[in-house]
């Protein structure tokens, strides 16, 4: 009798692939949605380029509401919308919409925080050269905040790894699903240990890569 007798390595491999697909797809969409949302939160803030208290307040409330909903609840609440968007609430495809909705507001706040750290003299210098708001964002704000934006994306990616594990509760697939169905429900400790170790390794790889990329842009 061996410790790994319950581990089906082909299932582990497929679960790893499913987790990576969920993570990659949701991270890309999270950045595509969260970055402009964070920029908009910053620009409409008090004393900013396009100050608008009403728009900023409405965006802030929406972001805070989505951030305050526990992800496991969000998974269940979004089932009708998920089915409408991708045709199913199960599997990898069914997990991506709630993953994005759960992570995009989180990343947007990180983006806003990174932009607030930029020295205002940098923005004023670009304004003095006659740059438009769009040019200020693309040529000054984003490049200057790049290390912070990358660090924020890294934190978000790590959060998404835990979200994908929770998504296993509703049959989303991946390592979380394997851990719940076999490790927890069937008391197969070896399966649980393998899935946990793989998730820890994945988080470490993401953190290392994100830190290295942030350092690269900081040196520039």
Foldseek 3Di string as FASTA:
>chain_A
DDLCPVDDVVQQVVLAVLLVLLLVLLLVLLCVQQQVLLVVLQQCDPPHVNPDVVVNVVSVVLLVVLQPDPLLVLLVVCQVVLCVVQVGCAASSNLRVSLSSNLNSQLSNLNNVLLVPDDVVQLVVVVVVVDDPVCCVVPPRCLVSVLSSLQSSLVSSLVSLVSCLSSLVVHHGHLNVQCCVPCPPVVSVSSVVVSVVVSVVVNVVSNVVSNVVSVVSVVD
